[in-house]
C-alpha atoms as a PDB file:
ATOM      1  CA  MET A   1       0.000   0.000   0.000  1.00  0.00           C
ATOM      2  CA  LYS A   2       2.799   2.437   0.892  1.00  0.00           C
ATOM      3  CA  ARG A   3       4.575   1.727  -2.390  1.00  0.00           C
ATOM      4  CA  TRP A   4       1.393   2.558  -4.331  1.00  0.00           C
ATOM      5  CA  ILE A   5       0.960   5.875  -2.468  1.00  0.00           C
ATOM      6  CA  TRP A   6       4.586   6.922  -3.129  1.00  0.00           C
ATOM      7  CA  THR A   7       4.209   6.016  -6.806  1.00  0.00           C
ATOM      8  CA  LEU A   8       1.103   8.194  -6.992  1.00  0.00           C
ATOM      9  CA  VAL A   9       2.881  11.101  -5.232  1.00  0.00           C
ATOM     10  CA  ALA A  10       5.837  10.828  -7.640  1.00  0.00           C
ATOM     11  CA  ALA A  11       3.554  10.798 -10.685  1.00  0.00           C
ATOM     12  CA  VAL A  12       1.680  13.901  -9.501  1.00  0.00           C
ATOM     13  CA  GLY A  13       4.986  15.648  -8.726  1.00  0.00           C
ATOM     14  CA  LEU A  14       6.286  15.012 -12.242  1.00  0.00           C
ATOM     15  CA  GLN A  15       3.132  16.443 -13.776  1.00  0.00           C
ATOM     16  CA  THR A  16       3.340  19.695 -11.815  1.00  0.00           C
ATOM     17  CA  THR A  17       6.997  20.311 -12.705  1.00  0.00           C
ATOM     18  CA  ALA A  18       6.303  19.782 -16.398  1.00  0.00           C
ATOM     19  CA  THR A  19       3.706  22.577 -16.446  1.00  0.00           C
ATOM     20  CA  ALA A  20       6.050  25.101 -14.797  1.00  0.00           C
ATOM     21  CA  SER A  21       7.860  26.053 -18.027  1.00  0.00           C
ATOM     22  CA  THR A  22       7.585  29.563 -19.491  1.00  0.00           C
ATOM     23  CA  PRO A  23       5.058  29.846 -22.325  1.00  0.00           C
ATOM     24  CA  HIS A  24       6.313  30.990 -25.733  1.00  0.00           C
ATOM     25  CA  THR A  25       5.377  34.504 -26.798  1.00  0.00           C
ATOM     26  CA  THR A  26       5.120  34.987 -30.562  1.00  0.00           C
ATOM     27  CA  LEU A  27       7.001  38.123 -31.598  1.00  0.00           C
ATOM     28  CA  VAL A  28       5.089  40.549 -33.816  1.00  0.00           C
ATOM     29  CA  CYS A  29       8.171  41.508 -35.873  1.00  0.00           C
ATOM     30  CA  ARG A  30      10.916  39.681 -37.786  1.00  0.00           C
ATOM     31  CA  MET A  31       8.886  36.488 -38.275  1.00  0.00           C
ATOM     32  CA  ASP A  32       9.352  35.425 -34.627  1.00  0.00           C
ATOM     33  CA  ASP A  33      13.195  35.431 -34.850  1.00  0.00           C
ATOM     34  CA  PRO A  34      14.360  36.512 -31.357  1.00  0.00           C
ATOM     35  CA  PHE A  35      18.024  37.083 -32.335  1.00  0.00           C
ATOM     36  CA  LEU A  36      17.108  39.428 -35.167  1.00  0.00           C
ATOM     37  CA  PHE A  37      14.286  41.079 -33.216  1.00  0.00           C
ATOM     38  CA  CYS A  38      16.446  41.823 -30.163  1.00  0.00           C
ATOM     39  CA  SER A  39      19.452  43.014 -32.177  1.00  0.00           C
ATOM     40  CA  LYS A  40      17.743  45.046 -34.948  1.00  0.00           C
ATOM     41  CA  GLY A  41      14.130  45.677 -33.861  1.00  0.00           C
ATOM     42  CA  CYS A  42      11.312  45.810 -36.417  1.00  0.00           C
ATOM     43  CA  ASP A  43      11.714  46.244 -40.165  1.00  0.00           C
ATOM     44  CA  THR A  44      10.498  48.883 -42.702  1.00  0.00           C
ATOM     45  CA  SER A  45       7.137  50.494 -41.867  1.00  0.00           C
ATOM     46  CA  ASP A  46       7.291  49.433 -38.201  1.00  0.00           C
ATOM     47  CA  TYR A  47      10.856  50.707 -37.664  1.00  0.00           C
ATOM     48  CA  ASN A  48       9.807  53.421 -35.198  1.00  0.00           C
ATOM     49  CA  TRP A  49      12.451  52.531 -32.584  1.00  0.00           C
ATOM     50  CA  LYS A  50      15.798  50.737 -32.550  1.00  0.00           C
ATOM     51  CA  PRO A  51      17.545  48.639 -29.909  1.00  0.00           C
ATOM     52  CA  VAL A  52      20.478  50.177 -28.037  1.00  0.00           C
ATOM     53  CA  ASP A  53      21.277  47.382 -25.567  1.00  0.00           C
ATOM     54  CA  PRO A  54      18.965  44.335 -25.656  1.00  0.00           C
ATOM     55  CA  ILE A  55      20.274  42.955 -22.343  1.00  0.00           C
ATOM     56  CA  SER A  56      19.172  46.071 -20.437  1.00  0.00           C
ATOM     57  CA  GLY A  57      16.108  46.615 -22.654  1.00  0.00           C
ATOM     58  CA  THR A  58      17.178  50.120 -23.703  1.00  0.00           C
ATOM     59  CA  TRP A  59      16.035  51.608 -27.005  1.00  0.00           C
ATOM     60  CA  GLU A  60      15.799  54.922 -28.840  1.00  0.00           C
ATOM     61  CA  ALA A  61      13.207  56.384 -31.177  1.00  0.00           C
ATOM     62  CA  VAL A  62      13.992  56.709 -34.876  1.00  0.00           C
ATOM     63  CA  SER A  63      13.522  60.136 -36.457  1.00  0.00           C
ATOM     64  CA  PRO A  64      10.897  61.462 -37.419  1.00  0.00           C
ATOM     65  CA  TYR A  65       8.881  59.351 -34.960  1.00  0.00           C
ATOM     66  CA  CYS A  66       7.849  60.580 -31.515  1.00  0.00           C
ATOM     67  CA  PRO A  67      10.374  59.919 -28.716  1.00  0.00           C
ATOM     68  CA  PHE A  68       7.770  57.846 -26.847  1.00  0.00           C
ATOM     69  CA  PRO A  69       5.293  55.186 -28.053  1.00  0.00           C
ATOM     70  CA  THR A  70       2.125  56.933 -29.184  1.00  0.00           C
ATOM     71  CA  PRO A  71      -0.106  56.313 -32.208  1.00  0.00           C
ATOM     72  CA  THR A  72      -0.933  60.035 -32.439  1.00  0.00           C
ATOM     73  CA  SER A  73       1.090  62.323 -34.710  1.00  0.00           C
ATOM     74  CA  THR A  74       1.847  65.913 -33.696  1.00  0.00           C
ATOM     75  CA  ASN A  75       3.350  68.941 -35.436  1.00  0.00           C
ATOM     76  CA  TYR A  76       6.755  67.820 -34.163  1.00  0.00           C
ATOM     77  CA  CYS A  77       6.786  64.046 -34.619  1.00  0.00           C
ATOM     78  CA  ALA A  78       5.075  61.155 -36.394  1.00  0.00           C
ATOM     79  CA  GLY A  79       2.957  58.638 -34.496  1.00  0.00           C
ATOM     80  CA  TRP A  80       4.036  55.027 -34.093  1.00  0.00           C
ATOM     81  CA  THR A  81       2.298  52.038 -35.667  1.00  0.00           C
ATOM     82  CA  MET A  82       0.394  49.781 -33.262  1.00  0.00           C
ATOM     83  CA  LYS A  83       2.664  46.920 -34.291  1.00  0.00           C
ATOM     84  CA  ALA A  84       5.731  48.975 -33.266  1.00  0.00           C
ATOM     85  CA  ILE A  85       4.157  49.799 -29.892  1.00  0.00           C
ATOM     86  CA  THR A  86       3.423  46.116 -29.237  1.00  0.00           C
ATOM     87  CA  ALA A  87       6.919  45.159 -30.411  1.00  0.00           C
ATOM     88  CA  LEU A  88       8.531  47.648 -28.022  1.00  0.00           C
ATOM     89  CA  SER A  89       6.627  46.143 -25.110  1.00  0.00           C
ATOM     90  CA  GLN A  90       7.810  42.682 -26.163  1.00  0.00           C
ATOM     91  CA  TYR A  91      11.401  43.953 -26.552  1.00  0.00           C
ATOM     92  CA  GLU A  92      11.432  45.412 -23.030  1.00  0.00           C
ATOM     93  CA  THR A  93      10.008  42.182 -21.603  1.00  0.00           C
ATOM     94  CA  ILE A  94      11.689  39.402 -23.589  1.00  0.00           C
ATOM     95  CA  CYS A  95      15.143  40.594 -24.660  1.00  0.00           C
ATOM     96  CA  PRO A  96      16.534  41.356 -21.162  1.00  0.00           C
ATOM     97  CA  GLY A  97      15.889  37.669 -20.344  1.00  0.00           C
ATOM     98  CA  ALA A  98      19.099  36.752 -22.155  1.00  0.00           C
ATOM     99  CA  VAL A  99      22.158  36.421 -19.945  1.00  0.00           C
ATOM    100  CA  LYS A 100      24.473  37.880 -22.592  1.00  0.00           C
ATOM    101  CA  GLU A 101      24.184  39.153 -26.149  1.00  0.00           C
ATOM    102  CA  GLY A 102      25.174  36.711 -28.875  1.00  0.00           C
ATOM    103  CA  LYS A 103      27.182  37.765 -31.918  1.00  0.00           C
ATOM    104  CA  TRP A 104      26.245  36.829 -35.488  1.00  0.00           C
ATOM    105  CA  LYS A 105      28.800  34.458 -37.025  1.00  0.00           C
ATOM    106  CA  GLY A 106      27.306  33.942 -40.488  1.00  0.00           C
ATOM    107  CA  THR A 107      28.781  35.290 -43.714  1.00  0.00           C
ATOM    108  CA  ARG A 108      25.500  36.942 -44.795  1.00  0.00           C
ATOM    109  CA  GLN A 109      23.457  39.489 -42.874  1.00  0.00           C
ATOM    110  CA  PRO A 110      21.188  37.850 -40.255  1.00  0.00           C
ATOM    111  CA  GLU A 111      18.009  39.300 -41.798  1.00  0.00           C
ATOM    112  CA  LEU A 112      18.768  37.474 -45.067  1.00  0.00           C
ATOM    113  CA  VAL A 113      19.237  33.973 -43.591  1.00  0.00           C
ATOM    114  CA  PRO A 114      17.579  31.637 -44.563  1.00  0.00           C
ATOM    115  CA  PHE A 115      15.451  34.248 -46.407  1.00  0.00           C
ATOM    116  CA  LYS A 116      14.691  37.974 -46.006  1.00  0.00           C
ATOM    117  CA  HIS A 117      12.728  38.615 -42.834  1.00  0.00           C
END
């Protein structure tokens, strides 16, 4: 009887540890490529900000866009796209989770491997 109880306790313990993993968050830019997203930010029309240091989560706005995430344009700056605002939130949350920044070792630019993204 005791052996059966301990087997049941072990089985329940294994199930709870398996569900403790971090869920995957799909990135809105760069086709869900975290290396490219954290090192270069978004591409083309959503390039409203650029990464400065992904490990600390720092970034800077790209001219002529507003220096803070806002969809509203003013006389002094252009409003951000909603995709860029969402991407910035993901950048500040996900990219600092890396212990250190990796360096690209390929011969081609990272946004061209295996295809442009």
